[in-house]
N, C-alpha and C. Protein backbone atom coordinates (compact mmCIF):
# COMPACT_ATOMS: atom_id res chain seq x y z
N MET A 1 -4.18 4.79 17.56
CA MET A 1 -4.18 4.78 16.11
C MET A 1 -3.30 3.63 15.63
N THR A 2 -3.79 2.90 14.66
CA THR A 2 -3.05 1.75 14.16
C THR A 2 -1.86 2.19 13.31
N GLU A 3 -0.91 1.30 13.16
CA GLU A 3 0.27 1.60 12.33
C GLU A 3 -0.12 1.83 10.88
N GLU A 4 -1.13 1.08 10.41
CA GLU A 4 -1.59 1.23 9.03
C GLU A 4 -2.13 2.64 8.80
N LYS A 5 -2.92 3.14 9.75
CA LYS A 5 -3.47 4.49 9.62
C LYS A 5 -2.36 5.54 9.72
N LYS A 6 -1.39 5.32 10.60
CA LYS A 6 -0.26 6.25 10.71
C LYS A 6 0.51 6.33 9.40
N ASP A 7 0.73 5.16 8.77
CA ASP A 7 1.44 5.13 7.49
C ASP A 7 0.64 5.87 6.41
N LYS A 8 -0.67 5.67 6.41
CA LYS A 8 -1.53 6.35 5.44
C LYS A 8 -1.45 7.86 5.61
N ILE A 9 -1.48 8.32 6.84
CA ILE A 9 -1.41 9.76 7.12
C ILE A 9 -0.06 10.32 6.71
N LYS A 10 1.01 9.56 6.95
CA LYS A 10 2.35 10.00 6.52
C LYS A 10 2.41 10.17 5.01
N LYS A 11 1.83 9.21 4.27
CA LYS A 11 1.81 9.30 2.81
C LYS A 11 1.04 10.53 2.35
N LEU A 12 -0.10 10.78 2.99
CA LEU A 12 -0.92 11.94 2.63
C LEU A 12 -0.17 13.24 2.90
N ARG A 13 0.49 13.33 4.03
CA ARG A 13 1.25 14.53 4.37
C ARG A 13 2.39 14.74 3.37
N LYS A 14 3.05 13.65 2.98
CA LYS A 14 4.14 13.74 1.99
C LYS A 14 3.61 14.24 0.66
N PHE A 15 2.43 13.71 0.24
CA PHE A 15 1.82 14.15 -1.01
C PHE A 15 1.50 15.64 -0.96
N LEU A 16 0.87 16.08 0.13
CA LEU A 16 0.51 17.49 0.25
C LEU A 16 1.72 18.41 0.29
N SER A 17 2.74 17.99 1.01
CA SER A 17 3.93 18.84 1.11
C SER A 17 4.66 18.95 -0.22
N GLY A 18 4.42 18.00 -1.12
CA GLY A 18 5.04 18.04 -2.45
C GLY A 18 4.34 18.98 -3.42
N LEU A 19 3.16 19.47 -3.06
CA LEU A 19 2.42 20.38 -3.93
C LEU A 19 2.63 21.82 -3.50
N ASN A 20 2.85 22.70 -4.46
CA ASN A 20 2.91 24.12 -4.10
C ASN A 20 1.47 24.68 -4.11
N ALA A 21 1.32 25.92 -3.70
CA ALA A 21 -0.02 26.52 -3.57
C ALA A 21 -0.77 26.54 -4.90
N ASP A 22 -0.08 26.84 -6.00
CA ASP A 22 -0.74 26.87 -7.31
C ASP A 22 -1.23 25.48 -7.73
N GLU A 23 -0.42 24.46 -7.48
CA GLU A 23 -0.82 23.09 -7.82
C GLU A 23 -2.05 22.66 -7.01
N ARG A 24 -2.09 23.04 -5.75
CA ARG A 24 -3.25 22.72 -4.91
C ARG A 24 -4.51 23.40 -5.45
N GLN A 25 -4.40 24.67 -5.80
CA GLN A 25 -5.54 25.42 -6.32
C GLN A 25 -6.03 24.81 -7.64
N GLN A 26 -5.10 24.46 -8.52
CA GLN A 26 -5.48 23.87 -9.80
C GLN A 26 -6.19 22.53 -9.61
N MET A 27 -5.68 21.71 -8.69
CA MET A 27 -6.31 20.42 -8.43
C MET A 27 -7.71 20.61 -7.85
N ALA A 28 -7.86 21.50 -6.91
CA ALA A 28 -9.17 21.75 -6.29
C ALA A 28 -10.17 22.30 -7.31
N ALA A 29 -9.69 23.14 -8.23
CA ALA A 29 -10.58 23.71 -9.25
C ALA A 29 -11.11 22.62 -10.19
N LYS A 30 -10.30 21.63 -10.47
CA LYS A 30 -10.72 20.53 -11.34
C LYS A 30 -11.72 19.61 -10.64
N VAL A 31 -11.54 19.42 -9.35
CA VAL A 31 -12.29 18.40 -8.63
C VAL A 31 -13.67 18.88 -8.21
N GLY A 32 -13.76 19.96 -7.44
CA GLY A 32 -15.04 20.49 -7.00
C GLY A 32 -15.87 19.52 -6.17
N ILE A 33 -15.31 18.94 -5.15
CA ILE A 33 -15.99 17.95 -4.30
C ILE A 33 -16.98 18.67 -3.39
N MET A 34 -18.18 18.08 -3.25
CA MET A 34 -19.23 18.67 -2.42
C MET A 34 -19.60 17.75 -1.26
N SER A 35 -20.17 18.35 -0.20
CA SER A 35 -20.61 17.60 0.97
C SER A 35 -22.05 17.12 0.79
N ILE A 36 -22.36 15.91 1.24
CA ILE A 36 -23.72 15.37 1.18
C ILE A 36 -24.65 16.16 2.10
N GLU A 37 -24.12 16.68 3.20
CA GLU A 37 -24.95 17.30 4.22
C GLU A 37 -25.55 18.62 3.78
N ASN A 38 -24.73 19.52 3.30
CA ASN A 38 -25.26 20.84 2.96
C ASN A 38 -24.73 21.39 1.63
N GLY A 39 -24.05 20.58 0.89
CA GLY A 39 -23.59 20.99 -0.43
C GLY A 39 -22.41 21.94 -0.44
N HIS A 40 -21.80 22.17 0.71
CA HIS A 40 -20.64 23.08 0.71
C HIS A 40 -19.42 22.37 0.12
N SER A 41 -18.51 23.18 -0.37
CA SER A 41 -17.28 22.59 -0.89
C SER A 41 -16.25 22.53 0.24
N PHE A 42 -15.26 21.71 0.07
CA PHE A 42 -14.24 21.51 1.07
C PHE A 42 -13.04 22.41 0.82
N SER A 43 -12.17 22.50 1.81
CA SER A 43 -10.96 23.30 1.66
C SER A 43 -10.10 22.72 0.53
N VAL A 44 -9.22 23.53 0.02
CA VAL A 44 -8.32 23.09 -1.04
C VAL A 44 -7.51 21.89 -0.57
N THR A 45 -7.02 21.95 0.65
CA THR A 45 -6.22 20.85 1.19
C THR A 45 -7.02 19.56 1.24
N ASN A 46 -8.24 19.62 1.78
CA ASN A 46 -9.04 18.41 1.87
C ASN A 46 -9.46 17.88 0.50
N GLN A 47 -9.71 18.78 -0.45
CA GLN A 47 -10.04 18.32 -1.80
C GLN A 47 -8.85 17.59 -2.42
N CYS A 48 -7.65 18.12 -2.22
CA CYS A 48 -6.45 17.44 -2.73
C CYS A 48 -6.27 16.08 -2.07
N LEU A 49 -6.49 16.02 -0.75
CA LEU A 49 -6.37 14.74 -0.04
C LEU A 49 -7.36 13.72 -0.58
N MET A 50 -8.61 14.11 -0.74
CA MET A 50 -9.63 13.17 -1.22
C MET A 50 -9.35 12.73 -2.65
N PHE A 51 -8.94 13.67 -3.51
CA PHE A 51 -8.64 13.33 -4.90
C PHE A 51 -7.47 12.35 -4.98
N TYR A 52 -6.48 12.56 -4.13
CA TYR A 52 -5.32 11.68 -4.11
C TYR A 52 -5.73 10.26 -3.72
N GLN A 53 -6.67 10.13 -2.81
CA GLN A 53 -7.12 8.83 -2.32
C GLN A 53 -8.16 8.17 -3.23
N ASN A 54 -8.92 9.00 -3.96
CA ASN A 54 -9.96 8.48 -4.86
C ASN A 54 -10.18 9.50 -5.98
N PRO A 55 -9.56 9.32 -7.14
CA PRO A 55 -9.67 10.29 -8.23
C PRO A 55 -11.09 10.47 -8.77
N ASN A 56 -12.01 9.57 -8.45
CA ASN A 56 -13.39 9.66 -8.94
C ASN A 56 -14.35 10.25 -7.90
N VAL A 57 -13.84 10.83 -6.86
CA VAL A 57 -14.66 11.35 -5.76
C VAL A 57 -15.54 12.52 -6.24
N THR A 58 -16.79 12.56 -5.76
CA THR A 58 -17.72 13.62 -6.17
C THR A 58 -18.45 14.24 -4.99
N ILE A 59 -19.26 13.43 -4.32
CA ILE A 59 -20.04 13.89 -3.17
C ILE A 59 -19.64 13.04 -1.97
N VAL A 60 -19.25 13.69 -0.89
CA VAL A 60 -18.74 12.95 0.26
C VAL A 60 -19.48 13.30 1.54
N GLY A 61 -19.35 12.42 2.50
CA GLY A 61 -19.92 12.65 3.81
C GLY A 61 -19.42 11.59 4.77
N GLY A 62 -19.65 11.83 6.04
CA GLY A 62 -19.29 10.87 7.06
C GLY A 62 -20.36 9.80 7.18
N PHE A 63 -20.08 8.79 7.99
CA PHE A 63 -21.00 7.68 8.17
C PHE A 63 -22.38 8.17 8.59
N ASN A 64 -22.43 9.00 9.62
CA ASN A 64 -23.71 9.49 10.13
C ASN A 64 -24.41 10.45 9.16
N GLN A 65 -23.65 11.20 8.38
CA GLN A 65 -24.25 12.09 7.39
C GLN A 65 -24.97 11.28 6.32
N PHE A 66 -24.36 10.20 5.86
CA PHE A 66 -25.02 9.36 4.86
C PHE A 66 -26.22 8.65 5.46
N LYS A 67 -26.10 8.22 6.71
CA LYS A 67 -27.21 7.56 7.38
C LYS A 67 -28.41 8.51 7.46
N ALA A 68 -28.17 9.77 7.81
CA ALA A 68 -29.24 10.76 7.89
C ALA A 68 -29.85 11.04 6.52
N ALA A 69 -29.07 10.86 5.46
CA ALA A 69 -29.55 11.08 4.09
C ALA A 69 -30.20 9.83 3.50
N GLY A 70 -30.34 8.77 4.31
CA GLY A 70 -30.99 7.55 3.83
C GLY A 70 -30.08 6.64 3.04
N ARG A 71 -28.79 6.69 3.30
CA ARG A 71 -27.83 5.85 2.60
C ARG A 71 -26.94 5.15 3.62
N MET A 72 -26.44 3.99 3.26
CA MET A 72 -25.52 3.25 4.13
C MET A 72 -24.23 2.96 3.37
N ILE A 73 -23.13 2.90 4.10
CA ILE A 73 -21.84 2.57 3.51
C ILE A 73 -21.84 1.08 3.16
N LYS A 74 -21.38 0.75 1.96
CA LYS A 74 -21.30 -0.65 1.54
C LYS A 74 -20.29 -1.39 2.42
N LYS A 75 -20.60 -2.64 2.71
CA LYS A 75 -19.72 -3.46 3.53
C LYS A 75 -18.35 -3.57 2.87
N GLY A 76 -17.31 -3.40 3.66
CA GLY A 76 -15.94 -3.55 3.18
C GLY A 76 -15.32 -2.28 2.60
N GLU A 77 -16.09 -1.20 2.49
CA GLU A 77 -15.55 0.04 1.94
C GLU A 77 -14.64 0.73 2.95
N HIS A 78 -13.61 1.37 2.45
CA HIS A 78 -12.67 2.11 3.28
C HIS A 78 -12.82 3.59 2.97
N GLY A 79 -12.87 4.39 4.01
CA GLY A 79 -13.06 5.82 3.82
C GLY A 79 -11.78 6.55 3.47
N MET A 80 -11.94 7.83 3.20
CA MET A 80 -10.81 8.71 2.88
C MET A 80 -10.53 9.58 4.09
N CYS A 81 -9.27 9.82 4.34
CA CYS A 81 -8.87 10.68 5.46
C CYS A 81 -8.92 12.14 5.04
N ILE A 82 -9.47 12.98 5.92
CA ILE A 82 -9.44 14.43 5.73
C ILE A 82 -9.07 15.05 7.07
N PHE A 83 -8.73 16.32 7.05
CA PHE A 83 -8.45 17.07 8.27
C PHE A 83 -9.67 17.88 8.65
N TYR A 84 -10.02 17.89 9.94
CA TYR A 84 -11.10 18.75 10.40
C TYR A 84 -10.63 19.52 11.63
N PRO A 85 -11.08 20.78 11.74
CA PRO A 85 -10.63 21.62 12.84
C PRO A 85 -11.45 21.42 14.11
N SER A 86 -10.84 21.69 15.22
CA SER A 86 -11.52 21.69 16.51
C SER A 86 -10.97 22.87 17.30
N THR A 87 -11.85 23.73 17.77
CA THR A 87 -11.44 24.91 18.52
C THR A 87 -11.43 24.57 20.01
N GLN A 88 -10.36 24.93 20.67
CA GLN A 88 -10.26 24.73 22.11
C GLN A 88 -11.08 25.80 22.82
N LYS A 89 -11.82 25.41 23.84
CA LYS A 89 -12.63 26.37 24.59
C LYS A 89 -11.86 26.83 25.82
N SER A 90 -12.09 28.07 26.19
CA SER A 90 -11.45 28.61 27.39
C SER A 90 -12.21 28.15 28.63
N ASP A 91 -11.74 28.53 29.80
CA ASP A 91 -12.36 28.11 31.05
C ASP A 91 -13.80 28.58 31.20
N ASN A 92 -14.14 29.68 30.56
CA ASN A 92 -15.51 30.20 30.70
C ASN A 92 -16.42 29.72 29.56
N ASP A 93 -16.06 28.60 28.92
CA ASP A 93 -16.87 27.95 27.87
C ASP A 93 -17.14 28.80 26.64
N GLU A 94 -16.38 29.81 26.42
CA GLU A 94 -16.50 30.60 25.19
C GLU A 94 -15.41 30.14 24.24
N GLU A 95 -15.71 30.22 22.95
CA GLU A 95 -14.68 29.85 21.98
C GLU A 95 -13.56 30.87 22.05
N SER A 96 -12.36 30.37 22.10
CA SER A 96 -11.21 31.28 22.16
C SER A 96 -10.80 31.69 20.76
N ASP A 97 -9.77 32.50 20.68
CA ASP A 97 -9.35 33.01 19.38
C ASP A 97 -8.82 31.90 18.47
N GLU A 98 -8.60 32.26 17.22
CA GLU A 98 -8.23 31.28 16.20
C GLU A 98 -6.89 30.61 16.45
N ASP A 99 -6.08 31.15 17.33
CA ASP A 99 -4.79 30.54 17.61
C ASP A 99 -4.92 29.18 18.29
N ASN A 100 -6.07 28.87 18.84
CA ASN A 100 -6.27 27.62 19.56
C ASN A 100 -7.03 26.58 18.74
N VAL A 101 -6.84 26.57 17.45
CA VAL A 101 -7.49 25.59 16.58
C VAL A 101 -6.52 24.43 16.37
N SER A 102 -7.02 23.22 16.61
CA SER A 102 -6.25 22.01 16.36
C SER A 102 -6.92 21.25 15.23
N PHE A 103 -6.12 20.48 14.50
CA PHE A 103 -6.67 19.69 13.41
C PHE A 103 -6.53 18.21 13.71
N TYR A 104 -7.56 17.46 13.37
CA TYR A 104 -7.61 16.02 13.60
C TYR A 104 -7.92 15.33 12.27
N VAL A 105 -7.68 14.03 12.22
CA VAL A 105 -7.98 13.25 11.02
C VAL A 105 -9.36 12.63 11.16
N GLY A 106 -10.21 12.86 10.16
CA GLY A 106 -11.53 12.27 10.11
C GLY A 106 -11.67 11.40 8.88
N THR A 107 -12.75 10.65 8.82
CA THR A 107 -12.99 9.74 7.70
C THR A 107 -14.28 10.10 6.99
N VAL A 108 -14.22 10.20 5.68
CA VAL A 108 -15.41 10.44 4.85
C VAL A 108 -15.46 9.40 3.75
N PHE A 109 -16.64 9.25 3.17
CA PHE A 109 -16.87 8.28 2.10
C PHE A 109 -17.45 9.00 0.90
N ASP A 110 -17.19 8.48 -0.30
CA ASP A 110 -17.80 8.99 -1.51
C ASP A 110 -19.17 8.35 -1.67
N ILE A 111 -20.06 9.04 -2.34
CA ILE A 111 -21.41 8.51 -2.52
C ILE A 111 -21.41 7.19 -3.30
N SER A 112 -20.39 6.97 -4.12
CA SER A 112 -20.29 5.69 -4.85
C SER A 112 -20.01 4.51 -3.92
N GLN A 113 -19.62 4.79 -2.68
CA GLN A 113 -19.35 3.76 -1.69
C GLN A 113 -20.59 3.45 -0.84
N THR A 114 -21.73 4.01 -1.23
CA THR A 114 -22.94 3.84 -0.44
C THR A 114 -24.06 3.21 -1.26
N VAL A 115 -25.09 2.75 -0.56
CA VAL A 115 -26.32 2.24 -1.19
C VAL A 115 -27.49 2.88 -0.48
N GLY A 116 -28.59 3.07 -1.22
CA GLY A 116 -29.81 3.62 -0.62
C GLY A 116 -30.49 2.60 0.26
N LEU A 117 -31.19 3.08 1.26
CA LEU A 117 -31.91 2.17 2.16
C LEU A 117 -33.22 1.73 1.57
């Protein structure tokens, strides 16, 4: 991970830690960000992260999600960081309990950062 990305993640964590639960809920209620893939809404934390990075965010998706929807990311656009969960599997390939969930940083783009094919 580059130093620039590490610094960006530190800023995002600082922003989130500065919000209490009520402030997060209020921000998420105002924003209402949806996914391009299936129209689901994102967690309160991810909505706050995306809003902080782009106050005009509306519909988001990853590179491959937009590609599948017939859209491409505009050249030079920078995505927004969000957290996504990954469950650790046990030795017998079954998903283990919720205690083994790790979070990673992923990148999503707003639909305004894309063009139709």
